[in-house]
Amino acid sequence: MTVITVVGSLPEARSGFLLHRLVADHAQALLAYAERLLRDRYTAEDIVQET
């Protein structure tokens, strides 16, 4: 687990950064989960990329 501190940023910018970091850290797990649900790799990739 990576701990990142964002100092002196606006709350909106910080929350956007943290969401991006969360998705980046868990992209593989999200893709695997979506693929199991949808049973289609390409659609799962599209959905995870839209996140």
N, C-alpha and C. Protein backbone atom coordinates (compact mmCIF):
# COMPACT_ATOMS: atom_id res chain seq x y z
N MET A 1 0.84 -1.18 0.00
CA MET A 1 0.00 0.00 0.00
C MET A 1 0.88 1.23 0.00
N THR A 2 0.54 2.18 -0.85
CA THR A 2 1.31 3.40 -0.98
C THR A 2 0.59 4.52 -0.25
N VAL A 3 1.32 5.26 0.56
CA VAL A 3 0.76 6.42 1.26
C VAL A 3 1.26 7.67 0.55
N ILE A 4 0.33 8.50 0.12
CA ILE A 4 0.68 9.73 -0.60
C ILE A 4 0.07 10.91 0.14
N THR A 5 0.88 11.92 0.35
CA THR A 5 0.40 13.13 0.98
C THR A 5 0.39 14.25 -0.05
N VAL A 6 -0.76 14.88 -0.20
CA VAL A 6 -0.90 16.01 -1.11
C VAL A 6 -1.06 17.25 -0.24
N VAL A 7 -0.07 18.13 -0.30
CA VAL A 7 -0.06 19.30 0.57
C VAL A 7 -0.39 20.55 -0.23
N GLY A 8 -1.24 21.39 0.34
CA GLY A 8 -1.51 22.69 -0.23
C GLY A 8 -2.35 22.69 -1.50
N SER A 9 -3.12 21.65 -1.72
CA SER A 9 -3.95 21.62 -2.92
C SER A 9 -5.40 21.87 -2.56
N LEU A 10 -6.17 22.26 -3.55
CA LEU A 10 -7.60 22.45 -3.35
C LEU A 10 -8.26 21.10 -3.08
N PRO A 11 -9.32 21.07 -2.30
CA PRO A 11 -9.99 19.79 -2.01
C PRO A 11 -10.45 19.06 -3.27
N GLU A 12 -10.92 19.79 -4.28
CA GLU A 12 -11.38 19.15 -5.52
C GLU A 12 -10.22 18.47 -6.24
N ALA A 13 -9.10 19.16 -6.33
CA ALA A 13 -7.93 18.61 -7.01
C ALA A 13 -7.40 17.40 -6.24
N ARG A 14 -7.39 17.51 -4.94
CA ARG A 14 -6.90 16.41 -4.11
C ARG A 14 -7.79 15.19 -4.24
N SER A 15 -9.11 15.38 -4.22
CA SER A 15 -10.02 14.23 -4.32
C SER A 15 -9.92 13.59 -5.70
N GLY A 16 -9.74 14.39 -6.75
CA GLY A 16 -9.55 13.85 -8.09
C GLY A 16 -8.28 13.03 -8.18
N PHE A 17 -7.21 13.55 -7.58
CA PHE A 17 -5.94 12.83 -7.57
C PHE A 17 -6.08 11.52 -6.81
N LEU A 18 -6.75 11.57 -5.67
CA LEU A 18 -6.90 10.36 -4.86
C LEU A 18 -7.76 9.31 -5.56
N LEU A 19 -8.80 9.75 -6.26
CA LEU A 19 -9.63 8.80 -7.02
C LEU A 19 -8.79 8.15 -8.12
N HIS A 20 -8.02 8.96 -8.84
CA HIS A 20 -7.15 8.42 -9.89
C HIS A 20 -6.16 7.41 -9.30
N ARG A 21 -5.60 7.73 -8.18
CA ARG A 21 -4.63 6.84 -7.52
C ARG A 21 -5.30 5.54 -7.07
N LEU A 22 -6.50 5.64 -6.53
CA LEU A 22 -7.25 4.46 -6.10
C LEU A 22 -7.51 3.53 -7.27
N VAL A 23 -7.97 4.10 -8.38
CA VAL A 23 -8.25 3.28 -9.56
C VAL A 23 -6.96 2.67 -10.10
N ALA A 24 -5.88 3.46 -10.16
CA ALA A 24 -4.60 2.95 -10.65
C ALA A 24 -4.10 1.80 -9.79
N ASP A 25 -4.24 1.93 -8.48
CA ASP A 25 -3.77 0.89 -7.57
C ASP A 25 -4.58 -0.40 -7.69
N HIS A 26 -5.83 -0.29 -8.10
CA HIS A 26 -6.72 -1.45 -8.11
C HIS A 26 -7.24 -1.81 -9.50
N ALA A 27 -6.61 -1.29 -10.54
CA ALA A 27 -7.09 -1.50 -11.91
C ALA A 27 -7.16 -2.97 -12.28
N GLN A 28 -6.15 -3.73 -11.93
CA GLN A 28 -6.14 -5.16 -12.28
C GLN A 28 -7.29 -5.90 -11.61
N ALA A 29 -7.52 -5.62 -10.35
CA ALA A 29 -8.61 -6.27 -9.62
C ALA A 29 -9.97 -5.84 -10.19
N LEU A 30 -10.10 -4.55 -10.51
CA LEU A 30 -11.35 -4.05 -11.10
C LEU A 30 -11.62 -4.73 -12.44
N LEU A 31 -10.57 -4.86 -13.25
CA LEU A 31 -10.72 -5.50 -14.56
C LEU A 31 -11.12 -6.97 -14.40
N ALA A 32 -10.48 -7.68 -13.50
CA ALA A 32 -10.81 -9.09 -13.28
C ALA A 32 -12.26 -9.24 -12.81
N TYR A 33 -12.68 -8.38 -11.91
CA TYR A 33 -14.05 -8.43 -11.39
C TYR A 33 -15.07 -8.15 -12.50
N ALA A 34 -14.82 -7.08 -13.27
CA ALA A 34 -15.73 -6.73 -14.36
C ALA A 34 -15.79 -7.83 -15.41
N GLU A 35 -14.65 -8.44 -15.69
CA GLU A 35 -14.62 -9.51 -16.68
C GLU A 35 -15.41 -10.73 -16.21
N ARG A 36 -15.32 -11.05 -14.92
CA ARG A 36 -16.11 -12.17 -14.39
C ARG A 36 -17.60 -11.87 -14.46
N LEU A 37 -17.99 -10.64 -14.16
CA LEU A 37 -19.40 -10.28 -14.19
C LEU A 37 -19.96 -10.27 -15.62
N LEU A 38 -19.18 -9.73 -16.54
CA LEU A 38 -19.68 -9.52 -17.90
C LEU A 38 -19.37 -10.69 -18.84
N ARG A 39 -18.38 -11.48 -18.49
CA ARG A 39 -17.91 -12.58 -19.34
C ARG A 39 -17.50 -12.08 -20.71
N ASP A 40 -16.93 -10.87 -20.74
CA ASP A 40 -16.46 -10.28 -21.99
C ASP A 40 -15.30 -9.34 -21.66
N ARG A 41 -14.12 -9.72 -22.06
CA ARG A 41 -12.91 -8.96 -21.73
C ARG A 41 -12.95 -7.54 -22.29
N TYR A 42 -13.38 -7.38 -23.53
CA TYR A 42 -13.36 -6.07 -24.17
C TYR A 42 -14.33 -5.09 -23.53
N THR A 43 -15.52 -5.55 -23.19
CA THR A 43 -16.48 -4.70 -22.50
C THR A 43 -15.97 -4.35 -21.10
N ALA A 44 -15.39 -5.32 -20.43
CA ALA A 44 -14.82 -5.07 -19.09
C ALA A 44 -13.73 -4.01 -19.16
N GLU A 45 -12.87 -4.09 -20.17
CA GLU A 45 -11.82 -3.08 -20.33
C GLU A 45 -12.42 -1.70 -20.56
N ASP A 46 -13.45 -1.63 -21.37
CA ASP A 46 -14.11 -0.35 -21.62
C ASP A 46 -14.68 0.24 -20.34
N ILE A 47 -15.32 -0.59 -19.55
CA ILE A 47 -15.93 -0.12 -18.31
C ILE A 47 -14.89 0.35 -17.32
N VAL A 48 -13.82 -0.41 -17.17
CA VAL A 48 -12.78 -0.02 -16.22
C VAL A 48 -12.08 1.27 -16.68
N GLN A 49 -11.89 1.44 -17.98
CA GLN A 49 -11.27 2.66 -18.48
C GLN A 49 -12.16 3.87 -18.26
N GLU A 50 -13.48 3.68 -18.26
CA GLU A 50 -14.42 4.79 -18.04
C GLU A 50 -14.45 5.22 -16.58
N THR A 51 -13.94 4.37 -15.69
CA THR A 51 -13.99 4.66 -14.25
C THR A 51 -13.07 5.82 -13.91
